[in-house]
Amino acid sequence: MIIIEGIDGSGKSMLAKRLSNDLGIKRHHFGAPPDALPEFNRRCNRSAILFSHAIIQDRTPFISETIYGHLRPEGPFIEWKKSQEVIRQSNPHLIYCRPANHFMPTQKKYDDPKQHVKIETHWTTLLSLYDAYMVQVAATRYDWTSSIESIMYQKVLADCEKKIRQAGF
């Protein structure tokens, strides 16, 4: 299983679609992190079921909620260490879409118009949280804004193919 994570506008969906096409496997898009605990639990159950399939998860609530939950006054629904434990135990190929520091999405469409303002306002905080999290779980970094993106993509594709073979899919 492959998980693609990163801040809004970092190229997750673009990468997921491209890998899905090149690998010939399905993808599942979880969308923006949920605001309510029941929806978070539902998504976690779905994500956990998908861990045992050859599929690309465009976000997983186990990670995105851990990061974006810091923007809510009550905090995340899942603790940082618990989230990392779930990710390590599921052993996915984890790809961190991490754009350059100067990059910020400008024309992203959100279901909630306030979401873009929230992302813009907390951009550096979210990037710092993602950076710290992804280092601890040894994610592969991918930046579609980089001048060497095509080389990065070939490595990511080869790593995904290897992970799928090792998993017996």
N, C-alpha and C. Protein backbone atom coordinates (compact mmCIF):
# COMPACT_ATOMS: atom_id res chain seq x y z
N MET A 1 0.82 -1.17 0.00
CA MET A 1 0.00 0.00 0.00
C MET A 1 0.87 1.24 0.00
N ILE A 2 0.38 2.24 -0.69
CA ILE A 2 1.10 3.50 -0.85
C ILE A 2 0.26 4.61 -0.26
N ILE A 3 0.88 5.44 0.58
CA ILE A 3 0.21 6.61 1.14
C ILE A 3 0.95 7.85 0.66
N ILE A 4 0.18 8.81 0.16
CA ILE A 4 0.75 10.09 -0.25
C ILE A 4 0.18 11.15 0.68
N GLU A 5 1.06 11.87 1.34
CA GLU A 5 0.65 12.89 2.32
C GLU A 5 1.36 14.20 2.04
N GLY A 6 0.82 15.27 2.60
CA GLY A 6 1.42 16.59 2.50
C GLY A 6 0.37 17.66 2.67
N ILE A 7 0.85 18.88 2.77
CA ILE A 7 -0.01 20.03 2.96
C ILE A 7 -0.90 20.24 1.72
N ASP A 8 -2.02 20.89 1.90
CA ASP A 8 -2.92 21.19 0.79
C ASP A 8 -2.15 21.90 -0.33
N GLY A 9 -2.40 21.50 -1.56
CA GLY A 9 -1.78 22.13 -2.70
C GLY A 9 -0.37 21.66 -3.00
N SER A 10 0.08 20.60 -2.31
CA SER A 10 1.46 20.14 -2.49
C SER A 10 1.63 19.15 -3.64
N GLY A 11 0.55 18.79 -4.30
CA GLY A 11 0.64 17.89 -5.45
C GLY A 11 0.28 16.45 -5.15
N LYS A 12 -0.35 16.19 -4.00
CA LYS A 12 -0.72 14.81 -3.63
C LYS A 12 -1.62 14.16 -4.66
N SER A 13 -2.69 14.82 -5.00
CA SER A 13 -3.66 14.23 -5.93
C SER A 13 -3.06 14.05 -7.32
N MET A 14 -2.27 15.01 -7.75
CA MET A 14 -1.61 14.91 -9.05
C MET A 14 -0.68 13.70 -9.07
N LEU A 15 0.11 13.53 -8.01
CA LEU A 15 1.02 12.39 -7.93
C LEU A 15 0.23 11.08 -7.82
N ALA A 16 -0.82 11.06 -7.02
CA ALA A 16 -1.63 9.84 -6.85
C ALA A 16 -2.25 9.40 -8.18
N LYS A 17 -2.76 10.34 -8.94
CA LYS A 17 -3.36 10.00 -10.25
C LYS A 17 -2.29 9.45 -11.20
N ARG A 18 -1.15 10.08 -11.21
CA ARG A 18 -0.06 9.66 -12.10
C ARG A 18 0.43 8.25 -11.72
N LEU A 19 0.66 8.02 -10.44
CA LEU A 19 1.11 6.70 -9.99
C LEU A 19 0.04 5.64 -10.24
N SER A 20 -1.21 5.98 -9.97
CA SER A 20 -2.31 5.05 -10.19
C SER A 20 -2.33 4.60 -11.65
N ASN A 21 -2.17 5.53 -12.54
CA ASN A 21 -2.15 5.22 -13.97
C ASN A 21 -0.93 4.38 -14.34
N ASP A 22 0.25 4.79 -13.90
CA ASP A 22 1.49 4.09 -14.26
C ASP A 22 1.61 2.71 -13.61
N LEU A 23 1.06 2.55 -12.41
CA LEU A 23 1.15 1.27 -11.70
C LEU A 23 -0.05 0.36 -11.98
N GLY A 24 -1.11 0.94 -12.52
CA GLY A 24 -2.31 0.16 -12.80
C GLY A 24 -3.05 -0.27 -11.55
N ILE A 25 -2.98 0.55 -10.50
CA ILE A 25 -3.72 0.25 -9.26
C ILE A 25 -4.65 1.40 -8.94
N LYS A 26 -5.67 1.11 -8.13
CA LYS A 26 -6.66 2.12 -7.76
C LYS A 26 -6.10 3.10 -6.74
N ARG A 27 -6.77 4.22 -6.63
CA ARG A 27 -6.43 5.20 -5.61
C ARG A 27 -7.69 5.56 -4.84
N HIS A 28 -7.50 5.96 -3.61
CA HIS A 28 -8.61 6.40 -2.77
C HIS A 28 -8.23 7.77 -2.21
N HIS A 29 -9.12 8.73 -2.42
CA HIS A 29 -8.87 10.10 -1.95
C HIS A 29 -9.73 10.37 -0.72
N PHE A 30 -9.07 10.70 0.40
CA PHE A 30 -9.80 10.96 1.63
C PHE A 30 -10.24 12.42 1.77
N GLY A 31 -9.67 13.31 1.01
CA GLY A 31 -10.06 14.71 1.09
C GLY A 31 -9.50 15.39 2.32
N ALA A 32 -10.02 16.56 2.58
CA ALA A 32 -9.55 17.37 3.72
C ALA A 32 -9.81 16.63 5.04
N PRO A 33 -8.96 16.87 6.02
CA PRO A 33 -9.17 16.23 7.32
C PRO A 33 -10.56 16.57 7.88
N PRO A 34 -11.22 15.60 8.51
CA PRO A 34 -12.57 15.82 9.04
C PRO A 34 -12.58 16.73 10.27
N ASP A 35 -13.70 17.40 10.48
CA ASP A 35 -13.86 18.28 11.63
C ASP A 35 -14.56 17.62 12.81
N ALA A 36 -15.12 16.44 12.59
CA ALA A 36 -15.88 15.77 13.65
C ALA A 36 -15.31 14.38 13.93
N LEU A 37 -15.33 14.00 15.18
CA LEU A 37 -14.77 12.71 15.61
C LEU A 37 -15.43 11.51 14.93
N PRO A 38 -16.77 11.45 14.78
CA PRO A 38 -17.36 10.28 14.11
C PRO A 38 -16.85 10.11 12.67
N GLU A 39 -16.70 11.21 11.95
CA GLU A 39 -16.19 11.13 10.58
C GLU A 39 -14.73 10.70 10.58
N PHE A 40 -13.95 11.18 11.53
CA PHE A 40 -12.55 10.76 11.66
C PHE A 40 -12.48 9.25 11.89
N ASN A 41 -13.28 8.74 12.81
CA ASN A 41 -13.30 7.30 13.10
C ASN A 41 -13.71 6.47 11.88
N ARG A 42 -14.70 6.94 11.15
CA ARG A 42 -15.15 6.25 9.94
C ARG A 42 -14.01 6.19 8.91
N ARG A 43 -13.32 7.31 8.73
CA ARG A 43 -12.21 7.35 7.77
C ARG A 43 -11.04 6.48 8.22
N CYS A 44 -10.76 6.47 9.50
CA CYS A 44 -9.68 5.61 10.01
C CYS A 44 -9.99 4.14 9.76
N ASN A 45 -11.23 3.74 10.00
CA ASN A 45 -11.63 2.35 9.74
C ASN A 45 -11.44 2.01 8.27
N ARG A 46 -11.86 2.91 7.38
CA ARG A 46 -11.73 2.70 5.93
C ARG A 46 -10.25 2.64 5.54
N SER A 47 -9.46 3.56 6.07
CA SER A 47 -8.03 3.60 5.77
C SER A 47 -7.35 2.31 6.22
N ALA A 48 -7.68 1.83 7.42
CA ALA A 48 -7.08 0.61 7.95
C ALA A 48 -7.42 -0.59 7.07
N ILE A 49 -8.64 -0.66 6.58
CA ILE A 49 -9.05 -1.75 5.68
C ILE A 49 -8.21 -1.70 4.40
N LEU A 50 -7.97 -0.50 3.89
CA LEU A 50 -7.21 -0.34 2.65
C LEU A 50 -5.73 -0.66 2.80
N PHE A 51 -5.23 -0.70 4.04
CA PHE A 51 -3.81 -0.99 4.27
C PHE A 51 -3.40 -2.33 3.69
N SER A 52 -4.33 -3.26 3.58
CA SER A 52 -3.98 -4.60 3.11
C SER A 52 -4.23 -4.78 1.61
N HIS A 53 -4.39 -3.69 0.88
CA HIS A 53 -4.65 -3.77 -0.55
C HIS A 53 -3.56 -3.02 -1.34
N ALA A 54 -3.42 -3.40 -2.59
CA ALA A 54 -2.53 -2.66 -3.50
C ALA A 54 -3.32 -1.44 -3.96
N ILE A 55 -3.17 -0.37 -3.22
CA ILE A 55 -3.94 0.84 -3.49
C ILE A 55 -3.12 2.06 -3.08
N ILE A 56 -3.42 3.17 -3.69
CA ILE A 56 -2.78 4.43 -3.33
C ILE A 56 -3.79 5.22 -2.50
N GLN A 57 -3.39 5.59 -1.31
CA GLN A 57 -4.24 6.46 -0.48
C GLN A 57 -3.74 7.88 -0.64
N ASP A 58 -4.59 8.72 -1.18
CA ASP A 58 -4.32 10.15 -1.30
C ASP A 58 -4.75 10.74 0.03
N ARG A 59 -3.83 10.79 0.96
CA ARG A 59 -4.01 11.16 2.36
C ARG A 59 -4.52 9.96 3.15
N THR A 60 -4.17 9.95 4.40
CA THR A 60 -4.75 9.01 5.35
C THR A 60 -5.11 9.82 6.59
N PRO A 61 -6.27 9.58 7.17
CA PRO A 61 -6.66 10.36 8.35
C PRO A 61 -5.71 10.16 9.52
N PHE A 62 -4.99 9.05 9.54
CA PHE A 62 -4.05 8.82 10.63
C PHE A 62 -2.95 9.87 10.66
N ILE A 63 -2.60 10.40 9.50
CA ILE A 63 -1.56 11.43 9.44
C ILE A 63 -2.16 12.83 9.34
N SER A 64 -3.04 13.04 8.37
CA SER A 64 -3.55 14.40 8.13
C SER A 64 -4.25 14.98 9.35
N GLU A 65 -4.96 14.16 10.09
CA GLU A 65 -5.64 14.65 11.29
C GLU A 65 -4.62 15.02 12.36
N THR A 66 -3.54 14.26 12.44
CA THR A 66 -2.50 14.55 13.43
C THR A 66 -1.91 15.93 13.18
N ILE A 67 -1.77 16.31 11.91
CA ILE A 67 -1.18 17.61 11.55
C ILE A 67 -2.24 18.71 11.62
N TYR A 68 -3.31 18.58 10.84
CA TYR A 68 -4.32 19.63 10.75
C TYR A 68 -5.12 19.80 12.04
N GLY A 69 -5.18 18.76 12.84
CA GLY A 69 -5.90 18.84 14.12
C GLY A 69 -5.32 19.91 15.04
N HIS A 70 -4.06 20.25 14.84
CA HIS A 70 -3.43 21.30 15.65
C HIS A 70 -4.05 22.68 15.40
N LEU A 71 -4.80 22.82 14.32
CA LEU A 71 -5.44 24.10 14.02
C LEU A 71 -6.77 24.26 14.75
N ARG A 72 -7.29 23.18 15.33
CA ARG A 72 -8.53 23.25 16.10
C ARG A 72 -8.21 23.56 17.56
N PRO A 73 -9.04 24.34 18.22
CA PRO A 73 -8.78 24.66 19.64
C PRO A 73 -8.65 23.42 20.52
N GLU A 74 -9.44 22.38 20.24
CA GLU A 74 -9.39 21.17 21.06
C GLU A 74 -8.25 20.22 20.65
N GLY A 75 -7.57 20.53 19.54
CA GLY A 75 -6.44 19.72 19.11
C GLY A 75 -6.84 18.52 18.27
N PRO A 76 -5.87 17.68 17.91
CA PRO A 76 -6.12 16.52 17.05
C PRO A 76 -6.94 15.44 17.75
N PHE A 77 -7.63 14.63 16.95
CA PHE A 77 -8.39 13.50 17.46
C PHE A 77 -7.48 12.32 17.81
N ILE A 78 -6.26 12.30 17.27
CA ILE A 78 -5.33 11.21 17.51
C ILE A 78 -3.97 11.79 17.91
N GLU A 79 -3.35 11.15 18.89
CA GLU A 79 -2.05 11.62 19.36
C GLU A 79 -0.97 11.31 18.33
N TRP A 80 0.03 12.15 18.30
CA TRP A 80 1.16 12.05 17.38
C TRP A 80 1.80 10.66 17.41
N LYS A 81 2.15 10.18 18.62
CA LYS A 81 2.83 8.88 18.76
C LYS A 81 1.94 7.72 18.33
N LYS A 82 0.65 7.79 18.66
CA LYS A 82 -0.28 6.74 18.26
C LYS A 82 -0.40 6.70 16.73
N SER A 83 -0.48 7.86 16.12
CA SER A 83 -0.55 7.94 14.67
C SER A 83 0.68 7.30 14.03
N GLN A 84 1.85 7.64 14.53
CA GLN A 84 3.08 7.07 13.97
C GLN A 84 3.16 5.57 14.20
N GLU A 85 2.65 5.11 15.31
CA GLU A 85 2.62 3.67 15.60
C GLU A 85 1.76 2.93 14.56
N VAL A 86 0.60 3.50 14.25
CA VAL A 86 -0.29 2.90 13.25
C VAL A 86 0.40 2.86 11.89
N ILE A 87 1.06 3.94 11.52
CA ILE A 87 1.74 4.00 10.23
C ILE A 87 2.88 3.00 10.17
N ARG A 88 3.68 2.94 11.21
CA ARG A 88 4.80 1.99 11.21
C ARG A 88 4.30 0.54 11.12
N GLN A 89 3.24 0.22 11.88
CA GLN A 89 2.72 -1.15 11.87
C GLN A 89 2.11 -1.52 10.52
N SER A 90 1.51 -0.56 9.84
CA SER A 90 0.89 -0.86 8.54
C SER A 90 1.94 -0.98 7.44
N ASN A 91 3.13 -0.42 7.67
CA ASN A 91 4.27 -0.53 6.77
C ASN A 91 3.96 -0.16 5.32
N PRO A 92 3.39 1.02 5.08
CA PRO A 92 3.13 1.43 3.70
C PRO A 92 4.40 2.02 3.08
N HIS A 93 4.34 2.25 1.78
CA HIS A 93 5.36 3.11 1.16
C HIS A 93 4.80 4.52 1.31
N LEU A 94 5.42 5.31 2.15
CA LEU A 94 4.92 6.64 2.49
C LEU A 94 5.67 7.71 1.71
N ILE A 95 4.91 8.51 0.96
CA ILE A 95 5.49 9.57 0.15
C ILE A 95 5.00 10.91 0.71
N TYR A 96 5.94 11.77 0.98
CA TYR A 96 5.65 13.10 1.52
C TYR A 96 5.80 14.13 0.41
N CYS A 97 4.68 14.66 -0.06
CA CYS A 97 4.71 15.73 -1.04
C CYS A 97 5.07 17.01 -0.30
N ARG A 98 6.27 17.47 -0.52
CA ARG A 98 6.79 18.63 0.21
C ARG A 98 7.30 19.65 -0.79
N PRO A 99 6.51 20.69 -1.06
CA PRO A 99 6.98 21.72 -1.99
C PRO A 99 8.07 22.58 -1.35
N ALA A 100 8.74 23.34 -2.19
CA ALA A 100 9.76 24.26 -1.71
C ALA A 100 9.15 25.25 -0.73
N ASN A 101 9.95 25.77 0.18
CA ASN A 101 9.46 26.70 1.21
C ASN A 101 8.76 27.91 0.64
N HIS A 102 9.20 28.39 -0.51
CA HIS A 102 8.62 29.61 -1.08
C HIS A 102 7.29 29.35 -1.80
N PHE A 103 6.95 28.08 -2.05
CA PHE A 103 5.74 27.75 -2.78
C PHE A 103 4.52 27.85 -1.87
N MET A 104 3.44 28.40 -2.40
CA MET A 104 2.18 28.41 -1.69
C MET A 104 1.06 28.37 -2.73
N PRO A 105 0.09 27.48 -2.59
CA PRO A 105 -0.99 27.41 -3.58
C PRO A 105 -1.78 28.71 -3.59
N THR A 106 -2.12 29.17 -4.78
CA THR A 106 -2.85 30.44 -4.88
C THR A 106 -4.26 30.28 -5.41
N GLN A 107 -4.51 29.26 -6.21
CA GLN A 107 -5.83 29.13 -6.81
C GLN A 107 -6.48 27.79 -6.51
N LYS A 108 -6.20 27.25 -5.36
CA LYS A 108 -6.78 25.97 -4.96
C LYS A 108 -8.25 26.18 -4.63
N LYS A 109 -9.09 25.27 -5.09
CA LYS A 109 -10.51 25.35 -4.78
C LYS A 109 -10.80 24.46 -3.57
N TYR A 110 -11.47 25.01 -2.61
CA TYR A 110 -11.82 24.27 -1.40
C TYR A 110 -13.34 24.21 -1.27
N ASP A 111 -13.83 23.11 -0.69
CA ASP A 111 -15.26 23.01 -0.41
C ASP A 111 -15.67 24.11 0.55
N ASP A 112 -14.81 24.39 1.51
CA ASP A 112 -15.05 25.45 2.49
C ASP A 112 -14.14 26.62 2.13
N PRO A 113 -14.70 27.76 1.71
CA PRO A 113 -13.87 28.90 1.30
C PRO A 113 -12.90 29.37 2.39
N LYS A 114 -13.22 29.10 3.65
CA LYS A 114 -12.34 29.51 4.74
C LYS A 114 -11.08 28.64 4.81
N GLN A 115 -11.12 27.47 4.16
CA GLN A 115 -9.99 26.53 4.22
C GLN A 115 -8.72 27.15 3.62
N HIS A 116 -8.86 27.85 2.49
CA HIS A 116 -7.68 28.45 1.86
C HIS A 116 -7.04 29.48 2.79
N VAL A 117 -7.85 30.28 3.43
CA VAL A 117 -7.35 31.29 4.37
C VAL A 117 -6.64 30.60 5.53
N LYS A 118 -7.24 29.52 6.02
CA LYS A 118 -6.64 28.76 7.12
C LYS A 118 -5.26 28.21 6.72
N ILE A 119 -5.17 27.66 5.51
CA ILE A 119 -3.91 27.10 5.03
C ILE A 119 -2.88 28.21 4.86
N GLU A 120 -3.29 29.30 4.22
CA GLU A 120 -2.38 30.44 4.02
C GLU A 120 -1.86 30.98 5.35
N THR A 121 -2.75 31.13 6.32
CA THR A 121 -2.39 31.70 7.62
C THR A 121 -1.43 30.80 8.38
N HIS A 122 -1.61 29.50 8.27
CA HIS A 122 -0.83 28.54 9.06
C HIS A 122 0.18 27.74 8.22
N TRP A 123 0.51 28.24 7.04
CA TRP A 123 1.38 27.53 6.10
C TRP A 123 2.67 27.04 6.75
N THR A 124 3.42 27.92 7.38
CA THR A 124 4.72 27.53 7.94
C THR A 124 4.56 26.56 9.11
N THR A 125 3.52 26.75 9.90
CA THR A 125 3.28 25.83 11.02
C THR A 125 2.97 24.43 10.50
N LEU A 126 2.09 24.35 9.50
CA LEU A 126 1.73 23.04 8.93
C LEU A 126 2.94 22.36 8.30
N LEU A 127 3.75 23.13 7.56
CA LEU A 127 4.96 22.55 6.97
C LEU A 127 5.91 22.03 8.04
N SER A 128 6.08 22.80 9.11
CA SER A 128 6.97 22.37 10.20
C SER A 128 6.47 21.09 10.84
N LEU A 129 5.17 21.00 11.07
CA LEU A 129 4.59 19.78 11.65
C LEU A 129 4.77 18.59 10.73
N TYR A 130 4.46 18.78 9.44
CA TYR A 130 4.65 17.69 8.47
C TYR A 130 6.11 17.27 8.41
N ASP A 131 7.03 18.25 8.35
CA ASP A 131 8.46 17.92 8.29
C ASP A 131 8.88 17.07 9.48
N ALA A 132 8.50 17.48 10.66
CA ALA A 132 8.88 16.75 11.88
C ALA A 132 8.28 15.35 11.88
N TYR A 133 7.02 15.23 11.49
CA TYR A 133 6.35 13.93 11.47
C TYR A 133 7.02 12.99 10.46
N MET A 134 7.22 13.48 9.25
CA MET A 134 7.72 12.64 8.17
C MET A 134 9.15 12.17 8.38
N VAL A 135 9.96 12.96 9.05
CA VAL A 135 11.33 12.52 9.37
C VAL A 135 11.26 11.32 10.31
N GLN A 136 10.34 11.36 11.25
CA GLN A 136 10.24 10.28 12.24
C GLN A 136 9.70 8.98 11.67
N VAL A 137 9.00 9.04 10.54
CA VAL A 137 8.48 7.81 9.93
C VAL A 137 9.20 7.46 8.64
N ALA A 138 10.29 8.14 8.36
CA ALA A 138 11.14 7.86 7.21
C ALA A 138 10.39 7.85 5.87
N ALA A 139 9.66 8.92 5.61
CA ALA A 139 8.92 9.04 4.36
C ALA A 139 9.84 9.45 3.22
N THR A 140 9.47 9.06 2.01
CA THR A 140 10.17 9.50 0.80
C THR A 140 9.65 10.89 0.44
N ARG A 141 10.55 11.82 0.25
CA ARG A 141 10.15 13.19 -0.08
C ARG A 141 10.01 13.35 -1.59
N TYR A 142 8.95 14.06 -2.00
CA TYR A 142 8.68 14.32 -3.41
C TYR A 142 8.24 15.76 -3.57
N ASP A 143 8.83 16.47 -4.53
CA ASP A 143 8.50 17.87 -4.77
C ASP A 143 8.29 18.10 -6.26
N TRP A 144 7.03 18.22 -6.67
CA TRP A 144 6.74 18.41 -8.09
C TRP A 144 7.15 19.80 -8.57
N THR A 145 7.45 20.73 -7.66
CA THR A 145 7.89 22.07 -8.07
C THR A 145 9.40 22.11 -8.33
N SER A 146 10.10 21.02 -8.05
CA SER A 146 11.55 20.94 -8.19
C SER A 146 11.95 20.81 -9.66
N SER A 147 13.13 21.33 -9.99
CA SER A 147 13.65 21.20 -11.36
C SER A 147 14.03 19.76 -11.69
N ILE A 148 14.21 18.92 -10.68
CA ILE A 148 14.56 17.52 -10.93
C ILE A 148 13.35 16.59 -10.68
N GLU A 149 12.15 17.13 -10.82
CA GLU A 149 10.93 16.36 -10.55
C GLU A 149 10.88 15.08 -11.35
N SER A 150 11.28 15.08 -12.60
CA SER A 150 11.18 13.86 -13.42
C SER A 150 12.08 12.75 -12.87
N ILE A 151 13.24 13.12 -12.37
CA ILE A 151 14.13 12.13 -11.76
C ILE A 151 13.52 11.63 -10.46
N MET A 152 12.97 12.54 -9.68
CA MET A 152 12.32 12.17 -8.41
C MET A 152 11.16 11.21 -8.69
N TYR A 153 10.37 11.52 -9.73
CA TYR A 153 9.21 10.69 -10.04
C TYR A 153 9.65 9.27 -10.42
N GLN A 154 10.69 9.14 -11.22
CA GLN A 154 11.15 7.81 -11.62
C GLN A 154 11.58 6.98 -10.41
N LYS A 155 12.22 7.61 -9.44
CA LYS A 155 12.63 6.91 -8.22
C LYS A 155 11.40 6.51 -7.40
N VAL A 156 10.45 7.42 -7.25
CA VAL A 156 9.22 7.12 -6.50
C VAL A 156 8.48 5.97 -7.17
N LEU A 157 8.36 6.02 -8.50
CA LEU A 157 7.68 4.96 -9.24
C LEU A 157 8.37 3.62 -9.03
N ALA A 158 9.69 3.58 -9.13
CA ALA A 158 10.45 2.34 -8.92
C ALA A 158 10.28 1.82 -7.50
N ASP A 159 10.30 2.72 -6.51
CA ASP A 159 10.11 2.32 -5.11
C ASP A 159 8.72 1.75 -4.89
N CYS A 160 7.72 2.34 -5.52
CA CYS A 160 6.34 1.84 -5.39
C CYS A 160 6.20 0.47 -6.03
N GLU A 161 6.79 0.30 -7.19
CA GLU A 161 6.75 -1.01 -7.86
C GLU A 161 7.39 -2.08 -6.98
N LYS A 162 8.51 -1.74 -6.37
CA LYS A 162 9.21 -2.68 -5.47
C LYS A 162 8.32 -3.03 -4.27
N LYS A 163 7.70 -2.02 -3.66
CA LYS A 163 6.84 -2.24 -2.48
C LYS A 163 5.67 -3.17 -2.85
N ILE A 164 5.08 -2.95 -4.01
CA ILE A 164 3.95 -3.77 -4.46
C ILE A 164 4.40 -5.22 -4.67
N ARG A 165 5.56 -5.41 -5.28
CA ARG A 165 6.08 -6.78 -5.48
C ARG A 165 6.36 -7.45 -4.13
N GLN A 166 7.00 -6.71 -3.21
CA GLN A 166 7.32 -7.28 -1.90
C GLN A 166 6.06 -7.67 -1.15
N ALA A 167 4.99 -6.93 -1.34
CA ALA A 167 3.73 -7.24 -0.66
C ALA A 167 2.98 -8.39 -1.32
N GLY A 168 3.45 -8.82 -2.48
CA GLY A 168 2.83 -9.97 -3.14
C GLY A 168 1.62 -9.62 -3.97
N PHE A 169 1.50 -8.38 -4.37
CA PHE A 169 0.34 -7.98 -5.20
C PHE A 169 0.69 -8.04 -6.68
